[in-house]
Amino acid sequence: MAKESSFDVVSSVDMQEVDNAFGQAKKELVQRYDLKDSGAEITLDKQGKSMTVSAPSDFVAKQVIDVISSKLVKRGIDLGAVKWGSAQPAAGQSVRQTATIVEGIDRDTASAINKDIKAEKFKVKVQIEGDKLRVSSPSRDALQDVIAFLKDKDYGQPLQYVNYR
């Protein structure tokens, strides 16, 4: 019998790259003429995996989020991993908007992925292991088909395919 091949489906974000993009965005806020003295601030909580934008108006907040988003994209971070909340009124006329960085596949999403793979009748086994999925099969072609199938689907967060062996 042939040896089983497998790969893992994960959703991970390189927090060092997020930190680098955050530093670049902070520098641009200080240097850019239209945002220089606007009173906009950004903060990053690495442990809580969140970013907060405080700005004097909703328009300025949107500009700051655009700056952060462009820096994240340049650093190779998928914007699907950053979930922005709605703008909350803060002191005075200012607004505050928080983003969370999604990492790991939650149970509901993992179940949806598993169900979609089974519905396509691929000859593979799928195991949910914490915040990742392990897909295994004797046929490497079946694994390639599963990867291609999952790349076409949207589960609301970026997926990576690692440990292919």
N, C-alpha and C. Protein backbone atom coordinates (compact mmCIF):
# COMPACT_ATOMS: atom_id res chain seq x y z
N MET A 1 0.84 -1.19 0.00
CA MET A 1 0.00 0.00 0.00
C MET A 1 0.88 1.25 0.00
N ALA A 2 0.45 2.24 -0.72
CA ALA A 2 1.22 3.47 -0.84
C ALA A 2 1.20 4.25 0.46
N LYS A 3 2.29 4.97 0.69
CA LYS A 3 2.38 5.80 1.89
C LYS A 3 1.44 7.00 1.74
N GLU A 4 0.82 7.39 2.85
CA GLU A 4 -0.12 8.52 2.82
C GLU A 4 0.65 9.84 2.73
N SER A 5 0.18 10.72 1.88
CA SER A 5 0.69 12.08 1.80
C SER A 5 -0.31 12.99 2.50
N SER A 6 0.18 14.15 2.97
CA SER A 6 -0.75 15.05 3.66
C SER A 6 -0.26 16.49 3.57
N PHE A 7 -1.15 17.40 3.92
CA PHE A 7 -0.79 18.81 4.10
C PHE A 7 -1.72 19.39 5.15
N ASP A 8 -1.32 20.54 5.69
CA ASP A 8 -2.13 21.23 6.70
C ASP A 8 -2.71 22.50 6.11
N VAL A 9 -3.96 22.78 6.46
CA VAL A 9 -4.60 24.04 6.08
C VAL A 9 -4.58 24.91 7.33
N VAL A 10 -3.89 26.05 7.26
CA VAL A 10 -3.76 26.94 8.41
C VAL A 10 -4.11 28.36 7.99
N SER A 11 -4.30 29.20 8.97
CA SER A 11 -4.48 30.63 8.74
C SER A 11 -3.58 31.34 9.73
N SER A 12 -2.44 31.83 9.24
CA SER A 12 -1.49 32.47 10.15
C SER A 12 -1.03 33.80 9.56
N VAL A 13 -0.62 34.68 10.46
CA VAL A 13 -0.14 36.01 10.08
C VAL A 13 1.21 36.22 10.74
N ASP A 14 2.18 36.71 9.99
CA ASP A 14 3.49 37.01 10.53
C ASP A 14 3.41 38.35 11.29
N MET A 15 3.37 38.28 12.62
CA MET A 15 3.20 39.49 13.43
C MET A 15 4.39 40.44 13.30
N GLN A 16 5.58 39.93 12.98
CA GLN A 16 6.73 40.81 12.78
C GLN A 16 6.49 41.70 11.55
N GLU A 17 5.92 41.12 10.49
CA GLU A 17 5.62 41.92 9.30
C GLU A 17 4.52 42.94 9.60
N VAL A 18 3.53 42.56 10.42
CA VAL A 18 2.49 43.51 10.83
C VAL A 18 3.13 44.65 11.60
N ASP A 19 4.06 44.33 12.50
CA ASP A 19 4.75 45.36 13.28
C ASP A 19 5.56 46.28 12.37
N ASN A 20 6.23 45.71 11.38
CA ASN A 20 7.00 46.52 10.43
C ASN A 20 6.09 47.46 9.64
N ALA A 21 4.96 46.93 9.15
CA ALA A 21 4.00 47.75 8.41
C ALA A 21 3.44 48.85 9.31
N PHE A 22 3.17 48.52 10.57
CA PHE A 22 2.67 49.49 11.53
C PHE A 22 3.68 50.62 11.71
N GLY A 23 4.97 50.27 11.84
CA GLY A 23 6.02 51.28 11.99
C GLY A 23 6.10 52.20 10.77
N GLN A 24 5.99 51.62 9.58
CA GLN A 24 6.01 52.42 8.36
C GLN A 24 4.80 53.34 8.29
N ALA A 25 3.63 52.84 8.68
CA ALA A 25 2.42 53.66 8.64
C ALA A 25 2.53 54.80 9.65
N LYS A 26 3.07 54.52 10.82
CA LYS A 26 3.23 55.55 11.85
C LYS A 26 4.17 56.65 11.35
N LYS A 27 5.24 56.25 10.67
CA LYS A 27 6.19 57.21 10.11
C LYS A 27 5.53 58.07 9.03
N GLU A 28 4.69 57.44 8.19
CA GLU A 28 4.01 58.18 7.13
C GLU A 28 3.00 59.17 7.71
N LEU A 29 2.36 58.81 8.82
CA LEU A 29 1.42 59.74 9.46
C LEU A 29 2.12 61.02 9.92
N VAL A 30 3.35 60.88 10.39
CA VAL A 30 4.10 62.04 10.86
C VAL A 30 4.60 62.88 9.68
N GLN A 31 4.90 62.24 8.55
CA GLN A 31 5.51 62.95 7.42
C GLN A 31 4.51 63.47 6.40
N ARG A 32 3.37 62.84 6.25
CA ARG A 32 2.43 63.22 5.19
C ARG A 32 1.74 64.53 5.53
N TYR A 33 1.75 65.46 4.60
CA TYR A 33 1.29 66.82 4.89
C TYR A 33 -0.19 66.89 5.27
N ASP A 34 -1.04 66.05 4.68
CA ASP A 34 -2.47 66.13 4.99
C ASP A 34 -2.83 65.42 6.30
N LEU A 35 -1.92 64.61 6.82
CA LEU A 35 -2.18 63.91 8.09
C LEU A 35 -1.26 64.35 9.22
N LYS A 36 -0.27 65.22 8.90
CA LYS A 36 0.77 65.59 9.86
C LYS A 36 0.21 66.14 11.17
N ASP A 37 -0.61 67.16 11.13
CA ASP A 37 -1.13 67.79 12.34
C ASP A 37 -2.62 67.51 12.51
N SER A 38 -3.08 66.39 12.01
CA SER A 38 -4.51 66.08 12.08
C SER A 38 -4.93 65.55 13.45
N GLY A 39 -3.98 65.09 14.24
CA GLY A 39 -4.31 64.52 15.54
C GLY A 39 -4.64 63.04 15.47
N ALA A 40 -4.38 62.42 14.34
CA ALA A 40 -4.66 60.99 14.19
C ALA A 40 -3.55 60.18 14.86
N GLU A 41 -3.94 59.09 15.51
CA GLU A 41 -2.98 58.20 16.17
C GLU A 41 -3.32 56.76 15.85
N ILE A 42 -2.28 55.93 15.79
CA ILE A 42 -2.51 54.50 15.64
C ILE A 42 -1.74 53.77 16.73
N THR A 43 -2.32 52.68 17.23
CA THR A 43 -1.66 51.86 18.23
C THR A 43 -1.78 50.40 17.82
N LEU A 44 -0.77 49.63 18.21
CA LEU A 44 -0.74 48.20 17.90
C LEU A 44 -0.58 47.43 19.20
N ASP A 45 -1.44 46.44 19.41
CA ASP A 45 -1.35 45.54 20.56
C ASP A 45 -0.95 44.17 20.02
N LYS A 46 0.35 43.83 20.13
CA LYS A 46 0.83 42.57 19.56
C LYS A 46 0.23 41.35 20.25
N GLN A 47 0.13 41.39 21.59
CA GLN A 47 -0.41 40.25 22.31
C GLN A 47 -1.90 40.05 22.01
N GLY A 48 -2.66 41.14 21.99
CA GLY A 48 -4.09 41.07 21.70
C GLY A 48 -4.39 40.98 20.22
N LYS A 49 -3.34 41.11 19.38
CA LYS A 49 -3.47 41.07 17.93
C LYS A 49 -4.55 42.05 17.44
N SER A 50 -4.38 43.31 17.82
CA SER A 50 -5.34 44.33 17.39
C SER A 50 -4.64 45.65 17.11
N MET A 51 -5.28 46.47 16.28
CA MET A 51 -4.81 47.82 15.96
C MET A 51 -5.95 48.78 16.23
N THR A 52 -5.62 49.97 16.69
CA THR A 52 -6.63 50.98 16.95
C THR A 52 -6.24 52.28 16.25
N VAL A 53 -7.21 52.88 15.58
CA VAL A 53 -7.01 54.16 14.92
C VAL A 53 -7.88 55.18 15.64
N SER A 54 -7.26 56.26 16.13
CA SER A 54 -8.00 57.37 16.73
C SER A 54 -7.80 58.57 15.83
N ALA A 55 -8.89 59.20 15.42
CA ALA A 55 -8.80 60.32 14.48
C ALA A 55 -9.86 61.36 14.82
N PRO A 56 -9.63 62.62 14.42
CA PRO A 56 -10.59 63.68 14.73
C PRO A 56 -11.88 63.58 13.92
N SER A 57 -11.88 62.85 12.80
CA SER A 57 -13.11 62.70 12.01
C SER A 57 -13.10 61.35 11.29
N ASP A 58 -14.24 60.97 10.80
CA ASP A 58 -14.38 59.71 10.10
C ASP A 58 -13.55 59.71 8.81
N PHE A 59 -13.51 60.86 8.14
CA PHE A 59 -12.75 60.99 6.89
C PHE A 59 -11.25 60.74 7.14
N VAL A 60 -10.71 61.35 8.19
CA VAL A 60 -9.29 61.18 8.52
C VAL A 60 -9.03 59.72 8.92
N ALA A 61 -9.96 59.12 9.66
CA ALA A 61 -9.80 57.72 10.06
C ALA A 61 -9.70 56.81 8.83
N LYS A 62 -10.54 57.08 7.83
CA LYS A 62 -10.50 56.28 6.59
C LYS A 62 -9.17 56.45 5.87
N GLN A 63 -8.63 57.67 5.87
CA GLN A 63 -7.33 57.90 5.25
C GLN A 63 -6.22 57.13 5.97
N VAL A 64 -6.27 57.14 7.30
CA VAL A 64 -5.27 56.44 8.08
C VAL A 64 -5.37 54.93 7.84
N ILE A 65 -6.60 54.41 7.76
CA ILE A 65 -6.79 52.99 7.49
C ILE A 65 -6.26 52.63 6.11
N ASP A 66 -6.43 53.53 5.13
CA ASP A 66 -5.86 53.31 3.80
C ASP A 66 -4.34 53.23 3.86
N VAL A 67 -3.72 54.10 4.65
CA VAL A 67 -2.26 54.09 4.79
C VAL A 67 -1.81 52.76 5.40
N ILE A 68 -2.47 52.34 6.47
CA ILE A 68 -2.11 51.08 7.13
C ILE A 68 -2.31 49.91 6.17
N SER A 69 -3.43 49.91 5.46
CA SER A 69 -3.73 48.82 4.53
C SER A 69 -2.68 48.72 3.43
N SER A 70 -2.28 49.86 2.90
CA SER A 70 -1.28 49.83 1.83
C SER A 70 0.06 49.30 2.34
N LYS A 71 0.43 49.65 3.56
CA LYS A 71 1.68 49.15 4.13
C LYS A 71 1.60 47.65 4.40
N LEU A 72 0.44 47.17 4.86
CA LEU A 72 0.27 45.73 5.09
C LEU A 72 0.38 44.95 3.79
N VAL A 73 -0.24 45.46 2.72
CA VAL A 73 -0.18 44.78 1.43
C VAL A 73 1.26 44.73 0.92
N LYS A 74 2.00 45.85 1.06
CA LYS A 74 3.39 45.87 0.62
C LYS A 74 4.24 44.87 1.39
N ARG A 75 3.85 44.58 2.63
CA ARG A 75 4.58 43.64 3.48
C ARG A 75 4.11 42.20 3.30
N GLY A 76 3.15 41.99 2.39
CA GLY A 76 2.70 40.63 2.10
C GLY A 76 1.64 40.09 3.05
N ILE A 77 0.97 40.95 3.79
CA ILE A 77 -0.10 40.53 4.70
C ILE A 77 -1.42 40.63 3.94
N ASP A 78 -2.17 39.54 3.90
CA ASP A 78 -3.48 39.53 3.23
C ASP A 78 -4.45 40.37 4.06
N LEU A 79 -5.15 41.30 3.41
CA LEU A 79 -6.09 42.18 4.13
C LEU A 79 -7.30 41.41 4.65
N GLY A 80 -7.52 40.21 4.18
CA GLY A 80 -8.59 39.37 4.72
C GLY A 80 -8.32 38.96 6.16
N ALA A 81 -7.06 39.04 6.59
CA ALA A 81 -6.70 38.68 7.96
C ALA A 81 -6.94 39.82 8.94
N VAL A 82 -7.28 41.01 8.41
CA VAL A 82 -7.52 42.18 9.27
C VAL A 82 -9.00 42.53 9.20
N LYS A 83 -9.69 42.38 10.31
CA LYS A 83 -11.14 42.66 10.38
C LYS A 83 -11.35 43.98 11.11
N TRP A 84 -11.78 45.01 10.36
CA TRP A 84 -12.03 46.33 10.93
C TRP A 84 -13.43 46.38 11.51
N GLY A 85 -13.53 46.90 12.73
CA GLY A 85 -14.84 47.10 13.35
C GLY A 85 -15.43 48.41 12.86
N SER A 86 -16.62 48.74 13.34
CA SER A 86 -17.24 49.99 12.93
C SER A 86 -16.64 51.15 13.74
N ALA A 87 -16.75 52.34 13.20
CA ALA A 87 -16.21 53.53 13.86
C ALA A 87 -17.04 53.85 15.11
N GLN A 88 -16.36 54.02 16.24
CA GLN A 88 -17.02 54.35 17.50
C GLN A 88 -16.73 55.81 17.84
N PRO A 89 -17.74 56.58 18.26
CA PRO A 89 -17.46 57.95 18.67
C PRO A 89 -16.61 57.95 19.94
N ALA A 90 -15.63 58.84 19.97
CA ALA A 90 -14.76 58.96 21.14
C ALA A 90 -14.94 60.37 21.72
N ALA A 91 -14.01 60.81 22.53
CA ALA A 91 -14.12 62.12 23.18
C ALA A 91 -14.22 63.23 22.14
N GLY A 92 -15.12 64.18 22.37
CA GLY A 92 -15.31 65.29 21.45
C GLY A 92 -15.88 64.82 20.13
N GLN A 93 -15.31 65.30 19.03
CA GLN A 93 -15.77 64.92 17.69
C GLN A 93 -14.99 63.74 17.12
N SER A 94 -14.03 63.23 17.89
CA SER A 94 -13.14 62.20 17.34
C SER A 94 -13.82 60.84 17.27
N VAL A 95 -13.21 59.96 16.46
CA VAL A 95 -13.70 58.59 16.29
C VAL A 95 -12.57 57.61 16.57
N ARG A 96 -12.95 56.42 16.94
CA ARG A 96 -11.98 55.36 17.21
C ARG A 96 -12.44 54.11 16.46
N GLN A 97 -11.52 53.47 15.77
CA GLN A 97 -11.84 52.27 15.02
C GLN A 97 -10.79 51.20 15.34
N THR A 98 -11.26 50.00 15.64
CA THR A 98 -10.36 48.92 16.04
C THR A 98 -10.40 47.80 15.02
N ALA A 99 -9.23 47.22 14.78
CA ALA A 99 -9.12 46.07 13.88
C ALA A 99 -8.53 44.91 14.65
N THR A 100 -9.04 43.71 14.38
CA THR A 100 -8.44 42.52 14.96
C THR A 100 -7.77 41.73 13.85
N ILE A 101 -6.68 41.10 14.20
CA ILE A 101 -5.93 40.29 13.24
C ILE A 101 -6.34 38.84 13.48
N VAL A 102 -6.96 38.24 12.46
CA VAL A 102 -7.49 36.89 12.57
C VAL A 102 -6.36 35.89 12.33
N GLU A 103 -6.18 35.00 13.29
CA GLU A 103 -5.16 33.98 13.16
C GLU A 103 -5.73 32.66 13.66
N GLY A 104 -5.51 31.60 12.93
CA GLY A 104 -6.07 30.31 13.30
C GLY A 104 -7.47 30.15 12.70
N ILE A 105 -7.85 28.91 12.48
CA ILE A 105 -9.15 28.62 11.89
C ILE A 105 -10.08 28.21 13.03
N ASP A 106 -11.19 28.94 13.20
CA ASP A 106 -12.12 28.60 14.27
C ASP A 106 -12.92 27.35 13.90
N ARG A 107 -13.61 26.79 14.88
CA ARG A 107 -14.33 25.54 14.71
C ARG A 107 -15.38 25.60 13.59
N ASP A 108 -16.13 26.70 13.52
CA ASP A 108 -17.18 26.82 12.51
C ASP A 108 -16.61 26.82 11.10
N THR A 109 -15.53 27.60 10.90
CA THR A 109 -14.90 27.66 9.58
C THR A 109 -14.29 26.31 9.21
N ALA A 110 -13.64 25.66 10.20
CA ALA A 110 -13.04 24.35 9.95
C ALA A 110 -14.11 23.34 9.55
N SER A 111 -15.26 23.39 10.20
CA SER A 111 -16.36 22.49 9.85
C SER A 111 -16.88 22.77 8.45
N ALA A 112 -16.97 24.07 8.09
CA ALA A 112 -17.43 24.43 6.75
C ALA A 112 -16.45 23.93 5.68
N ILE A 113 -15.16 24.07 5.93
CA ILE A 113 -14.15 23.58 4.98
C ILE A 113 -14.26 22.07 4.84
N ASN A 114 -14.37 21.39 5.98
CA ASN A 114 -14.50 19.93 5.98
C ASN A 114 -15.73 19.48 5.19
N LYS A 115 -16.85 20.16 5.43
CA LYS A 115 -18.11 19.83 4.75
C LYS A 115 -17.99 20.05 3.23
N ASP A 116 -17.35 21.16 2.83
CA ASP A 116 -17.17 21.45 1.40
C ASP A 116 -16.29 20.39 0.72
N ILE A 117 -15.23 19.96 1.40
CA ILE A 117 -14.34 18.95 0.82
C ILE A 117 -15.09 17.63 0.67
N LYS A 118 -15.87 17.26 1.68
CA LYS A 118 -16.64 16.01 1.61
C LYS A 118 -17.72 16.08 0.53
N ALA A 119 -18.32 17.26 0.34
CA ALA A 119 -19.36 17.42 -0.67
C ALA A 119 -18.81 17.23 -2.09
N GLU A 120 -17.53 17.57 -2.28
CA GLU A 120 -16.91 17.39 -3.61
C GLU A 120 -16.47 15.96 -3.85
N LYS A 121 -16.58 15.10 -2.85
CA LYS A 121 -16.24 13.67 -2.94
C LYS A 121 -14.79 13.43 -3.36
N PHE A 122 -13.86 14.24 -2.80
CA PHE A 122 -12.44 13.96 -2.99
C PHE A 122 -12.10 12.71 -2.18
N LYS A 123 -11.16 11.92 -2.65
CA LYS A 123 -10.76 10.72 -1.92
C LYS A 123 -9.65 11.09 -0.92
N VAL A 124 -10.05 11.88 0.09
CA VAL A 124 -9.11 12.34 1.11
C VAL A 124 -9.76 12.20 2.49
N LYS A 125 -8.90 12.20 3.52
CA LYS A 125 -9.39 12.23 4.89
C LYS A 125 -9.06 13.61 5.46
N VAL A 126 -10.01 14.22 6.17
CA VAL A 126 -9.81 15.53 6.77
C VAL A 126 -9.95 15.39 8.28
N GLN A 127 -8.95 15.88 9.01
CA GLN A 127 -9.00 15.88 10.46
C GLN A 127 -8.86 17.30 10.96
N ILE A 128 -9.73 17.70 11.88
CA ILE A 128 -9.63 19.03 12.49
C ILE A 128 -8.74 18.89 13.73
N GLU A 129 -7.62 19.61 13.74
CA GLU A 129 -6.66 19.54 14.84
C GLU A 129 -6.47 20.93 15.43
N GLY A 130 -7.30 21.30 16.38
CA GLY A 130 -7.19 22.61 17.01
C GLY A 130 -7.57 23.71 16.03
N ASP A 131 -6.60 24.56 15.68
CA ASP A 131 -6.87 25.68 14.77
C ASP A 131 -6.34 25.43 13.36
N LYS A 132 -6.18 24.14 13.00
CA LYS A 132 -5.76 23.80 11.64
C LYS A 132 -6.47 22.52 11.21
N LEU A 133 -6.38 22.23 9.92
CA LEU A 133 -6.94 21.00 9.37
C LEU A 133 -5.83 20.21 8.72
N ARG A 134 -5.83 18.90 8.90
CA ARG A 134 -4.88 18.04 8.22
C ARG A 134 -5.66 17.24 7.17
N VAL A 135 -5.21 17.34 5.93
CA VAL A 135 -5.83 16.62 4.82
C VAL A 135 -4.83 15.57 4.36
N SER A 136 -5.25 14.30 4.31
CA SER A 136 -4.33 13.23 3.92
C SER A 136 -5.00 12.31 2.90
N SER A 137 -4.14 11.71 2.07
CA SER A 137 -4.61 10.80 1.03
C SER A 137 -3.42 10.04 0.47
N PRO A 138 -3.64 8.83 -0.04
CA PRO A 138 -2.55 8.12 -0.71
C PRO A 138 -2.18 8.79 -2.04
N SER A 139 -3.13 9.52 -2.62
CA SER A 139 -2.91 10.14 -3.93
C SER A 139 -2.51 11.61 -3.78
N ARG A 140 -1.33 11.94 -4.28
CA ARG A 140 -0.90 13.34 -4.24
C ARG A 140 -1.76 14.20 -5.18
N ASP A 141 -2.25 13.61 -6.25
CA ASP A 141 -3.11 14.35 -7.17
C ASP A 141 -4.39 14.80 -6.48
N ALA A 142 -4.95 13.94 -5.62
CA ALA A 142 -6.16 14.31 -4.88
C ALA A 142 -5.87 15.50 -3.95
N LEU A 143 -4.70 15.49 -3.35
CA LEU A 143 -4.32 16.61 -2.46
C LEU A 143 -4.18 17.91 -3.26
N GLN A 144 -3.58 17.81 -4.46
CA GLN A 144 -3.45 18.98 -5.32
C GLN A 144 -4.83 19.51 -5.71
N ASP A 145 -5.76 18.60 -5.99
CA ASP A 145 -7.13 19.00 -6.35
C ASP A 145 -7.82 19.72 -5.19
N VAL A 146 -7.60 19.23 -3.97
CA VAL A 146 -8.20 19.86 -2.79
C VAL A 146 -7.64 21.27 -2.61
N ILE A 147 -6.33 21.44 -2.78
CA ILE A 147 -5.72 22.77 -2.65
C ILE A 147 -6.31 23.72 -3.69
N ALA A 148 -6.40 23.26 -4.93
CA ALA A 148 -6.98 24.10 -5.99
C ALA A 148 -8.43 24.45 -5.68
N PHE A 149 -9.19 23.48 -5.16
CA PHE A 149 -10.59 23.71 -4.79
C PHE A 149 -10.70 24.76 -3.68
N LEU A 150 -9.87 24.64 -2.66
CA LEU A 150 -9.93 25.57 -1.52
C LEU A 150 -9.48 26.98 -1.90
N LYS A 151 -8.56 27.08 -2.86
CA LYS A 151 -8.11 28.41 -3.31
C LYS A 151 -9.23 29.17 -4.00
N ASP A 152 -10.15 28.45 -4.63
CA ASP A 152 -11.27 29.10 -5.31
C ASP A 152 -12.37 29.54 -4.35
N LYS A 153 -12.39 28.98 -3.15
CA LYS A 153 -13.42 29.29 -2.16
C LYS A 153 -12.99 30.48 -1.29
N ASP A 154 -13.99 31.15 -0.69
CA ASP A 154 -13.71 32.25 0.23
C ASP A 154 -14.32 31.93 1.58
N TYR A 155 -13.49 31.81 2.59
CA TYR A 155 -13.97 31.51 3.94
C TYR A 155 -13.83 32.70 4.88
N GLY A 156 -13.59 33.89 4.33
CA GLY A 156 -13.52 35.09 5.15
C GLY A 156 -12.17 35.32 5.81
N GLN A 157 -11.21 34.47 5.52
CA GLN A 157 -9.87 34.66 6.04
C GLN A 157 -8.89 33.97 5.09
N PRO A 158 -7.65 34.45 5.06
CA PRO A 158 -6.68 33.83 4.15
C PRO A 158 -6.25 32.45 4.67
N LEU A 159 -6.10 31.52 3.77
CA LEU A 159 -5.66 30.17 4.13
C LEU A 159 -4.30 29.89 3.51
N GLN A 160 -3.45 29.18 4.25
CA GLN A 160 -2.17 28.74 3.73
C GLN A 160 -2.12 27.22 3.79
N TYR A 161 -1.34 26.64 2.90
CA TYR A 161 -1.25 25.19 2.80
C TYR A 161 0.21 24.83 3.08
N VAL A 162 0.46 24.22 4.23
CA VAL A 162 1.82 23.98 4.70
C VAL A 162 2.03 22.50 4.98
N ASN A 163 3.28 22.12 5.22
CA ASN A 163 3.69 20.75 5.57
C ASN A 163 3.24 19.75 4.52
N TYR A 164 3.35 20.11 3.26
CA TYR A 164 2.97 19.18 2.19
C TYR A 164 4.03 18.11 2.10
N ARG A 165 3.64 16.87 2.38
CA ARG A 165 4.59 15.75 2.28
C ARG A 165 3.90 14.50 1.83
